[in-house]
Amino acid sequence: MRLPFQRAVRGRDSAESRRALLPSPAGRKGYLVLALVLLALIPGCGDDEDSPPALTGYHVPWPQRFVVGFPDALIRGTVSFADPDGDVVILHTAWQDCGAGEVKKLDTLLEDLQGSRTGEIPFVVEINTYCPIGDYAVQLSVTDRQGQGSNVLSVPYEIYAPSGETE
């Protein structure tokens, strides 16, 4: 029985019989063209491996407003992320009490997100409310395993005086 690409040959072990197992010259050109096309496509594969993560939004369950001097003021929420290569490892939180002075930082290791390309990360920040009345913000960002940082999202909050009082 012969396969379609085999030609009839006279000798069993001759060079001619070994050549008969190879595709015809036209078939070899077809394989060469196919190989070149596949090689051209390979550089496009895996482009996500070096992509930095991105923060896509945040959610806080209620408006972040605190009365001046309110004890134990906590900002709680979640931040959404997208990471093409799924290797987000650290959530960075930064803020300044009263919008001035030393920047406080809290880095949270995210061990349970490995392989996640999208998701939400919970965060909690305790802020000082013994500040002038005004608007302030907590800054959020993430870093992946390769050290690439994301964009920075600002989560605003307000410190205000109770009705009828001014500072």
N, C-alpha and C. Protein backbone atom coordinates (compact mmCIF):
# COMPACT_ATOMS: atom_id res chain seq x y z
N MET A 1 0.84 -1.18 0.00
CA MET A 1 0.00 0.00 0.00
C MET A 1 0.89 1.24 0.00
N ARG A 2 0.55 2.18 -0.88
CA ARG A 2 1.32 3.42 -0.97
C ARG A 2 0.52 4.56 -0.39
N LEU A 3 1.23 5.49 0.27
CA LEU A 3 0.61 6.73 0.73
C LEU A 3 0.54 7.69 -0.45
N PRO A 4 -0.36 8.66 -0.42
CA PRO A 4 -0.54 9.53 -1.58
C PRO A 4 0.73 10.26 -2.02
N PHE A 5 1.61 10.59 -1.08
CA PHE A 5 2.79 11.35 -1.49
C PHE A 5 3.96 10.45 -1.89
N GLN A 6 3.78 9.13 -1.78
CA GLN A 6 4.84 8.22 -2.15
C GLN A 6 4.75 7.87 -3.63
N ARG A 7 5.93 7.70 -4.23
CA ARG A 7 5.99 7.27 -5.61
C ARG A 7 6.47 5.83 -5.66
N ALA A 8 6.11 5.14 -6.69
CA ALA A 8 6.58 3.76 -6.83
C ALA A 8 8.07 3.77 -7.08
N VAL A 9 8.78 2.89 -6.40
CA VAL A 9 10.23 2.79 -6.56
C VAL A 9 10.61 1.34 -6.84
N ARG A 10 11.80 1.15 -7.45
CA ARG A 10 12.23 -0.20 -7.79
C ARG A 10 12.89 -0.91 -6.63
N GLY A 11 13.91 -0.35 -6.03
CA GLY A 11 14.67 -1.03 -4.97
C GLY A 11 14.15 -0.65 -3.59
N ARG A 12 14.26 -1.62 -2.67
CA ARG A 12 13.74 -1.37 -1.32
C ARG A 12 14.56 -0.39 -0.53
N ASP A 13 15.86 -0.52 -0.51
CA ASP A 13 16.70 0.32 0.33
C ASP A 13 17.51 1.33 -0.47
N SER A 14 17.13 1.57 -1.64
CA SER A 14 17.89 2.50 -2.47
C SER A 14 17.62 3.95 -2.04
N ALA A 15 18.49 4.83 -2.45
CA ALA A 15 18.33 6.26 -2.17
C ALA A 15 17.04 6.76 -2.81
N GLU A 16 16.71 6.18 -3.95
CA GLU A 16 15.48 6.58 -4.63
C GLU A 16 14.26 6.24 -3.78
N SER A 17 14.27 5.12 -3.07
CA SER A 17 13.12 4.76 -2.23
C SER A 17 13.03 5.69 -1.03
N ARG A 18 14.16 6.13 -0.50
CA ARG A 18 14.13 7.06 0.64
C ARG A 18 13.60 8.41 0.19
N ARG A 19 13.98 8.84 -1.00
CA ARG A 19 13.47 10.11 -1.53
C ARG A 19 11.98 10.03 -1.79
N ALA A 20 11.47 8.85 -2.07
CA ALA A 20 10.05 8.68 -2.37
C ALA A 20 9.19 8.99 -1.14
N LEU A 21 9.77 8.87 0.04
CA LEU A 21 9.02 9.17 1.25
C LEU A 21 8.88 10.67 1.50
N LEU A 22 9.72 11.45 0.85
CA LEU A 22 9.66 12.90 1.01
C LEU A 22 8.59 13.49 0.09
N PRO A 23 8.02 14.61 0.47
CA PRO A 23 7.05 15.25 -0.42
C PRO A 23 7.73 15.71 -1.70
N SER A 24 6.94 15.92 -2.71
CA SER A 24 7.46 16.40 -3.99
C SER A 24 8.05 17.79 -3.80
N PRO A 25 8.84 18.30 -4.76
CA PRO A 25 9.39 19.65 -4.65
C PRO A 25 8.31 20.71 -4.44
N ALA A 26 7.17 20.57 -5.07
CA ALA A 26 6.08 21.53 -4.87
C ALA A 26 5.56 21.46 -3.44
N GLY A 27 5.47 20.25 -2.90
CA GLY A 27 5.02 20.07 -1.51
C GLY A 27 6.00 20.65 -0.52
N ARG A 28 7.31 20.51 -0.80
CA ARG A 28 8.33 21.08 0.09
C ARG A 28 8.23 22.59 0.11
N LYS A 29 7.94 23.20 -1.04
CA LYS A 29 7.77 24.66 -1.08
C LYS A 29 6.58 25.09 -0.24
N GLY A 30 5.52 24.28 -0.27
CA GLY A 30 4.34 24.58 0.54
C GLY A 30 4.67 24.54 2.03
N TYR A 31 5.46 23.53 2.45
CA TYR A 31 5.86 23.45 3.84
C TYR A 31 6.74 24.63 4.23
N LEU A 32 7.60 25.03 3.34
CA LEU A 32 8.48 26.17 3.60
C LEU A 32 7.67 27.45 3.78
N VAL A 33 6.69 27.66 2.93
CA VAL A 33 5.83 28.84 3.05
C VAL A 33 5.07 28.80 4.38
N LEU A 34 4.54 27.65 4.74
CA LEU A 34 3.82 27.50 6.00
C LEU A 34 4.74 27.80 7.19
N ALA A 35 5.96 27.28 7.16
CA ALA A 35 6.92 27.52 8.24
C ALA A 35 7.24 29.01 8.36
N LEU A 36 7.41 29.69 7.23
CA LEU A 36 7.72 31.12 7.27
C LEU A 36 6.55 31.93 7.84
N VAL A 37 5.33 31.57 7.48
CA VAL A 37 4.15 32.25 8.02
C VAL A 37 4.07 32.05 9.52
N LEU A 38 4.28 30.83 9.99
CA LEU A 38 4.23 30.57 11.43
C LEU A 38 5.32 31.33 12.18
N LEU A 39 6.51 31.40 11.61
CA LEU A 39 7.59 32.16 12.25
C LEU A 39 7.26 33.64 12.33
N ALA A 40 6.56 34.16 11.35
CA ALA A 40 6.17 35.57 11.38
C ALA A 40 5.15 35.84 12.48
N LEU A 41 4.33 34.85 12.79
CA LEU A 41 3.30 35.03 13.81
C LEU A 41 3.83 34.86 15.23
N ILE A 42 4.89 34.13 15.43
CA ILE A 42 5.40 33.83 16.76
C ILE A 42 5.76 35.07 17.57
N PRO A 43 6.41 36.11 17.02
CA PRO A 43 6.73 37.27 17.86
C PRO A 43 5.49 37.90 18.49
N GLY A 44 4.31 37.77 17.91
CA GLY A 44 3.10 38.34 18.49
C GLY A 44 2.58 37.54 19.67
N CYS A 45 3.02 36.29 19.80
CA CYS A 45 2.56 35.46 20.90
C CYS A 45 3.32 35.83 22.16
N GLY A 46 2.64 35.82 23.30
CA GLY A 46 3.31 36.07 24.56
C GLY A 46 3.57 37.52 24.85
N ASP A 47 3.00 38.46 24.07
CA ASP A 47 3.24 39.87 24.34
C ASP A 47 2.72 40.29 25.70
N ASP A 48 1.78 39.54 26.27
CA ASP A 48 1.21 39.89 27.57
C ASP A 48 2.18 39.64 28.71
N GLU A 49 3.22 38.85 28.47
CA GLU A 49 4.13 38.48 29.55
C GLU A 49 4.83 39.67 30.17
N ASP A 50 5.06 40.73 29.46
CA ASP A 50 5.75 41.88 30.00
C ASP A 50 4.83 43.07 30.19
N SER A 51 3.53 42.84 30.24
CA SER A 51 2.57 43.93 30.37
C SER A 51 2.38 44.30 31.83
N PRO A 52 2.40 45.60 32.13
CA PRO A 52 2.16 46.01 33.52
C PRO A 52 0.69 45.88 33.88
N PRO A 53 0.40 45.74 35.16
CA PRO A 53 -1.00 45.69 35.60
C PRO A 53 -1.63 47.08 35.50
N ALA A 54 -2.95 47.12 35.53
CA ALA A 54 -3.68 48.39 35.49
C ALA A 54 -4.81 48.36 36.50
N LEU A 55 -4.98 49.45 37.23
CA LEU A 55 -6.14 49.59 38.11
C LEU A 55 -7.25 50.20 37.27
N THR A 56 -8.42 49.58 37.33
CA THR A 56 -9.51 49.99 36.43
C THR A 56 -10.64 50.71 37.15
N GLY A 57 -10.61 50.75 38.47
CA GLY A 57 -11.64 51.45 39.21
C GLY A 57 -11.62 51.05 40.67
N TYR A 58 -12.45 51.71 41.45
CA TYR A 58 -12.56 51.35 42.86
C TYR A 58 -14.02 51.48 43.29
N HIS A 59 -14.32 50.85 44.41
CA HIS A 59 -15.67 50.92 44.96
C HIS A 59 -15.56 51.09 46.47
N VAL A 60 -16.25 52.08 47.01
CA VAL A 60 -16.40 52.25 48.45
C VAL A 60 -17.89 52.20 48.73
N PRO A 61 -18.30 51.52 49.82
CA PRO A 61 -19.73 51.28 50.03
C PRO A 61 -20.56 52.52 50.37
N TRP A 62 -19.95 53.60 50.77
CA TRP A 62 -20.69 54.82 51.09
C TRP A 62 -19.75 55.99 50.89
N PRO A 63 -20.28 57.21 50.82
CA PRO A 63 -19.40 58.37 50.66
C PRO A 63 -18.40 58.45 51.81
N GLN A 64 -17.18 58.70 51.47
CA GLN A 64 -16.12 58.76 52.47
C GLN A 64 -16.05 60.18 53.06
N ARG A 65 -16.92 60.40 54.07
CA ARG A 65 -17.01 61.69 54.76
C ARG A 65 -16.86 61.44 56.25
N PHE A 66 -16.04 62.25 56.90
CA PHE A 66 -15.78 62.07 58.32
C PHE A 66 -15.85 63.42 59.02
N VAL A 67 -16.46 63.43 60.21
CA VAL A 67 -16.52 64.63 61.03
C VAL A 67 -15.13 64.88 61.61
N VAL A 68 -14.75 66.14 61.71
CA VAL A 68 -13.45 66.50 62.30
C VAL A 68 -13.35 65.83 63.68
N GLY A 69 -12.23 65.16 63.92
CA GLY A 69 -12.00 64.53 65.22
C GLY A 69 -12.71 63.20 65.42
N PHE A 70 -13.31 62.66 64.38
CA PHE A 70 -13.99 61.37 64.46
C PHE A 70 -12.95 60.29 64.73
N PRO A 71 -13.14 59.50 65.83
CA PRO A 71 -12.13 58.48 66.14
C PRO A 71 -12.25 57.26 65.21
N ASP A 72 -11.14 56.59 65.01
CA ASP A 72 -11.10 55.35 64.23
C ASP A 72 -11.75 55.47 62.85
N ALA A 73 -11.39 56.49 62.13
CA ALA A 73 -11.95 56.68 60.79
C ALA A 73 -11.26 55.71 59.82
N LEU A 74 -12.06 54.83 59.24
CA LEU A 74 -11.54 53.83 58.31
C LEU A 74 -12.14 54.03 56.92
N ILE A 75 -11.29 53.98 55.93
CA ILE A 75 -11.76 53.97 54.55
C ILE A 75 -11.65 52.52 54.10
N ARG A 76 -12.79 51.96 53.72
CA ARG A 76 -12.85 50.56 53.27
C ARG A 76 -13.38 50.52 51.85
N GLY A 77 -12.83 49.62 51.07
CA GLY A 77 -13.33 49.47 49.71
C GLY A 77 -12.60 48.37 48.97
N THR A 78 -12.83 48.34 47.68
CA THR A 78 -12.12 47.40 46.80
C THR A 78 -11.61 48.18 45.59
N VAL A 79 -10.51 47.72 45.06
CA VAL A 79 -9.96 48.30 43.84
C VAL A 79 -9.92 47.19 42.79
N SER A 80 -10.38 47.50 41.58
CA SER A 80 -10.41 46.53 40.48
C SER A 80 -9.12 46.62 39.67
N PHE A 81 -8.66 45.47 39.20
CA PHE A 81 -7.43 45.45 38.42
C PHE A 81 -7.57 44.56 37.19
N ALA A 82 -6.69 44.81 36.24
CA ALA A 82 -6.53 43.95 35.06
C ALA A 82 -5.03 43.75 34.89
N ASP A 83 -4.62 42.51 34.71
CA ASP A 83 -3.20 42.20 34.54
C ASP A 83 -3.07 41.08 33.51
N PRO A 84 -2.65 41.40 32.29
CA PRO A 84 -2.60 40.40 31.22
C PRO A 84 -1.79 39.16 31.56
N ASP A 85 -0.73 39.30 32.37
CA ASP A 85 0.06 38.13 32.69
C ASP A 85 -0.25 37.53 34.06
N GLY A 86 -1.22 38.08 34.78
CA GLY A 86 -1.72 37.47 36.01
C GLY A 86 -0.72 37.31 37.13
N ASP A 87 0.14 38.31 37.31
CA ASP A 87 1.14 38.17 38.38
C ASP A 87 1.20 39.36 39.33
N VAL A 88 0.04 39.94 39.67
CA VAL A 88 -0.01 41.03 40.65
C VAL A 88 0.39 40.48 42.01
N VAL A 89 1.31 41.16 42.71
CA VAL A 89 1.77 40.64 44.00
C VAL A 89 1.64 41.61 45.17
N ILE A 90 1.63 42.93 44.92
CA ILE A 90 1.59 43.88 46.03
C ILE A 90 0.60 45.00 45.74
N LEU A 91 -0.24 45.32 46.75
CA LEU A 91 -1.10 46.50 46.72
C LEU A 91 -0.39 47.57 47.54
N HIS A 92 -0.17 48.73 46.93
CA HIS A 92 0.45 49.87 47.62
C HIS A 92 -0.64 50.88 47.96
N THR A 93 -0.66 51.30 49.21
CA THR A 93 -1.59 52.32 49.68
C THR A 93 -0.75 53.45 50.26
N ALA A 94 -1.04 54.69 49.87
CA ALA A 94 -0.27 55.83 50.37
C ALA A 94 -1.22 56.99 50.67
N TRP A 95 -0.93 57.74 51.73
CA TRP A 95 -1.74 58.89 52.11
C TRP A 95 -0.93 59.78 53.04
N GLN A 96 -1.38 61.00 53.19
CA GLN A 96 -0.78 61.95 54.12
C GLN A 96 -1.86 62.39 55.10
N ASP A 97 -1.57 62.33 56.38
CA ASP A 97 -2.53 62.85 57.34
C ASP A 97 -2.68 64.34 57.11
N CYS A 98 -3.90 64.76 56.98
CA CYS A 98 -4.25 66.17 56.77
C CYS A 98 -3.65 66.73 55.48
N GLY A 99 -3.26 65.87 54.56
CA GLY A 99 -2.75 66.31 53.28
C GLY A 99 -1.38 66.94 53.33
N ALA A 100 -0.67 66.78 54.44
CA ALA A 100 0.65 67.39 54.58
C ALA A 100 1.54 66.44 55.38
N GLY A 101 2.81 66.75 55.39
CA GLY A 101 3.74 65.96 56.19
C GLY A 101 4.17 64.69 55.50
N GLU A 102 4.63 63.76 56.32
CA GLU A 102 5.19 62.51 55.84
C GLU A 102 4.12 61.64 55.15
N VAL A 103 4.50 61.05 54.05
CA VAL A 103 3.60 60.13 53.34
C VAL A 103 3.63 58.80 54.07
N LYS A 104 2.45 58.34 54.46
CA LYS A 104 2.34 57.03 55.10
C LYS A 104 2.08 56.00 54.01
N LYS A 105 2.68 54.83 54.19
CA LYS A 105 2.53 53.78 53.18
C LYS A 105 2.18 52.46 53.84
N LEU A 106 1.35 51.70 53.14
CA LEU A 106 1.00 50.36 53.57
C LEU A 106 1.07 49.47 52.34
N ASP A 107 1.97 48.49 52.35
CA ASP A 107 2.10 47.53 51.26
C ASP A 107 1.51 46.19 51.70
N THR A 108 0.62 45.65 50.89
CA THR A 108 -0.05 44.40 51.22
C THR A 108 0.33 43.34 50.21
N LEU A 109 0.89 42.22 50.69
CA LEU A 109 1.25 41.10 49.83
C LEU A 109 -0.02 40.36 49.42
N LEU A 110 -0.16 40.09 48.13
CA LEU A 110 -1.38 39.48 47.58
C LEU A 110 -1.09 38.06 47.09
N GLU A 111 -0.93 37.13 48.00
CA GLU A 111 -0.56 35.77 47.63
C GLU A 111 -1.68 35.01 46.93
N ASP A 112 -2.93 35.34 47.18
CA ASP A 112 -4.03 34.55 46.64
C ASP A 112 -4.48 34.98 45.24
N LEU A 113 -3.79 35.92 44.62
CA LEU A 113 -4.19 36.40 43.29
C LEU A 113 -3.36 35.82 42.15
N GLN A 114 -2.41 34.97 42.44
CA GLN A 114 -1.54 34.46 41.39
C GLN A 114 -2.34 33.79 40.28
N GLY A 115 -2.10 34.22 39.07
CA GLY A 115 -2.79 33.69 37.90
C GLY A 115 -4.07 34.45 37.56
N SER A 116 -4.48 35.37 38.43
CA SER A 116 -5.71 36.14 38.17
C SER A 116 -5.40 37.29 37.21
N ARG A 117 -6.14 37.33 36.12
CA ARG A 117 -5.94 38.40 35.14
C ARG A 117 -6.83 39.60 35.43
N THR A 118 -7.91 39.41 36.14
CA THR A 118 -8.78 40.49 36.58
C THR A 118 -9.31 40.14 37.96
N GLY A 119 -9.79 41.17 38.66
CA GLY A 119 -10.36 40.90 39.97
C GLY A 119 -10.47 42.16 40.80
N GLU A 120 -10.78 41.95 42.07
CA GLU A 120 -10.90 43.05 43.02
C GLU A 120 -10.04 42.75 44.23
N ILE A 121 -9.42 43.80 44.75
CA ILE A 121 -8.56 43.68 45.92
C ILE A 121 -9.16 44.55 47.02
N PRO A 122 -9.44 43.99 48.19
CA PRO A 122 -9.97 44.81 49.28
C PRO A 122 -8.86 45.66 49.91
N PHE A 123 -9.24 46.83 50.41
CA PHE A 123 -8.28 47.67 51.12
C PHE A 123 -8.98 48.34 52.30
N VAL A 124 -8.19 48.65 53.34
CA VAL A 124 -8.66 49.37 54.53
C VAL A 124 -7.53 50.31 54.94
N VAL A 125 -7.88 51.57 55.17
CA VAL A 125 -6.91 52.57 55.59
C VAL A 125 -7.49 53.35 56.77
N GLU A 126 -6.71 53.47 57.84
CA GLU A 126 -7.12 54.29 58.98
C GLU A 126 -6.52 55.68 58.78
N ILE A 127 -7.39 56.68 58.82
CA ILE A 127 -6.93 58.04 58.58
C ILE A 127 -7.10 58.91 59.83
N ASN A 128 -6.35 59.97 59.88
CA ASN A 128 -6.43 60.95 60.95
C ASN A 128 -7.48 61.98 60.57
N THR A 129 -8.44 62.23 61.45
CA THR A 129 -9.48 63.23 61.15
C THR A 129 -9.30 64.52 61.95
N TYR A 130 -8.22 64.63 62.69
CA TYR A 130 -7.93 65.88 63.40
C TYR A 130 -7.19 66.80 62.43
N CYS A 131 -7.89 67.18 61.40
CA CYS A 131 -7.32 67.93 60.29
C CYS A 131 -8.21 69.13 59.96
N PRO A 132 -7.68 70.05 59.21
CA PRO A 132 -8.54 71.13 58.70
C PRO A 132 -9.64 70.55 57.82
N ILE A 133 -10.78 71.19 57.81
CA ILE A 133 -11.88 70.77 56.94
C ILE A 133 -11.39 70.83 55.50
N GLY A 134 -11.71 69.80 54.75
CA GLY A 134 -11.28 69.79 53.35
C GLY A 134 -11.36 68.42 52.72
N ASP A 135 -10.90 68.36 51.49
CA ASP A 135 -10.90 67.12 50.72
C ASP A 135 -9.48 66.57 50.67
N TYR A 136 -9.38 65.26 50.83
CA TYR A 136 -8.09 64.58 50.84
C TYR A 136 -8.22 63.31 49.99
N ALA A 137 -7.13 62.56 49.86
CA ALA A 137 -7.19 61.34 49.04
C ALA A 137 -6.19 60.30 49.52
N VAL A 138 -6.55 59.05 49.29
CA VAL A 138 -5.67 57.90 49.48
C VAL A 138 -5.28 57.44 48.08
N GLN A 139 -4.01 57.15 47.89
CA GLN A 139 -3.51 56.71 46.58
C GLN A 139 -3.32 55.20 46.59
N LEU A 140 -3.80 54.53 45.53
CA LEU A 140 -3.67 53.08 45.40
C LEU A 140 -2.93 52.73 44.11
N SER A 141 -2.07 51.71 44.18
CA SER A 141 -1.40 51.18 42.99
C SER A 141 -1.01 49.73 43.29
N VAL A 142 -0.64 48.99 42.27
CA VAL A 142 -0.18 47.62 42.43
C VAL A 142 1.12 47.42 41.68
N THR A 143 1.86 46.39 42.08
CA THR A 143 3.10 46.01 41.41
C THR A 143 3.02 44.53 41.10
N ASP A 144 3.55 44.14 39.92
CA ASP A 144 3.54 42.72 39.58
C ASP A 144 4.87 42.07 39.93
N ARG A 145 4.96 40.78 39.70
CA ARG A 145 6.14 40.00 40.07
C ARG A 145 7.41 40.51 39.38
N GLN A 146 7.27 41.13 38.22
CA GLN A 146 8.44 41.62 37.49
C GLN A 146 8.84 43.03 37.92
N GLY A 147 8.12 43.59 38.91
CA GLY A 147 8.44 44.93 39.41
C GLY A 147 7.78 46.05 38.63
N GLN A 148 6.87 45.72 37.73
CA GLN A 148 6.18 46.75 36.95
C GLN A 148 5.01 47.31 37.75
N GLY A 149 4.95 48.64 37.82
CA GLY A 149 3.89 49.30 38.56
C GLY A 149 2.72 49.67 37.69
N SER A 150 1.57 49.77 38.33
CA SER A 150 0.34 50.15 37.63
C SER A 150 0.17 51.67 37.66
N ASN A 151 -0.93 52.10 37.11
CA ASN A 151 -1.36 53.48 37.26
C ASN A 151 -1.75 53.69 38.72
N VAL A 152 -1.92 54.95 39.12
CA VAL A 152 -2.31 55.28 40.49
C VAL A 152 -3.75 55.77 40.48
N LEU A 153 -4.57 55.22 41.38
CA LEU A 153 -5.95 55.68 41.54
C LEU A 153 -6.05 56.44 42.85
N SER A 154 -6.77 57.54 42.84
CA SER A 154 -7.01 58.33 44.04
C SER A 154 -8.41 58.04 44.56
N VAL A 155 -8.50 57.71 45.84
CA VAL A 155 -9.79 57.50 46.50
C VAL A 155 -10.01 58.72 47.40
N PRO A 156 -10.91 59.61 47.01
CA PRO A 156 -11.10 60.84 47.79
C PRO A 156 -11.90 60.62 49.07
N TYR A 157 -11.64 61.46 50.05
CA TYR A 157 -12.46 61.50 51.25
C TYR A 157 -12.53 62.93 51.73
N GLU A 158 -13.53 63.20 52.55
CA GLU A 158 -13.77 64.56 53.02
C GLU A 158 -13.80 64.58 54.54
N ILE A 159 -13.21 65.62 55.10
CA ILE A 159 -13.33 65.88 56.53
C ILE A 159 -14.14 67.17 56.64
N TYR A 160 -15.22 67.10 57.43
CA TYR A 160 -16.12 68.24 57.51
C TYR A 160 -16.51 68.51 58.97
N ALA A 161 -17.05 69.69 59.19
CA ALA A 161 -17.52 70.08 60.52
C ALA A 161 -18.99 69.71 60.65
N PRO A 162 -19.43 69.33 61.87
CA PRO A 162 -20.85 69.06 62.05
C PRO A 162 -21.66 70.32 61.73
N SER A 163 -22.93 70.15 61.41
CA SER A 163 -23.80 71.27 61.05
C SER A 163 -23.73 72.38 62.08
N GLY A 164 -23.59 73.59 61.59
CA GLY A 164 -23.57 74.77 62.46
C GLY A 164 -22.21 75.07 63.05
N GLU A 165 -21.23 74.21 62.87
CA GLU A 165 -19.91 74.48 63.41
C GLU A 165 -18.98 74.83 62.26
N THR A 166 -18.03 75.67 62.55
CA THR A 166 -16.99 75.97 61.57
C THR A 166 -15.66 75.85 62.28
N GLU A 167 -14.64 75.65 61.55
CA GLU A 167 -13.34 75.52 62.16
C GLU A 167 -12.60 76.81 62.07
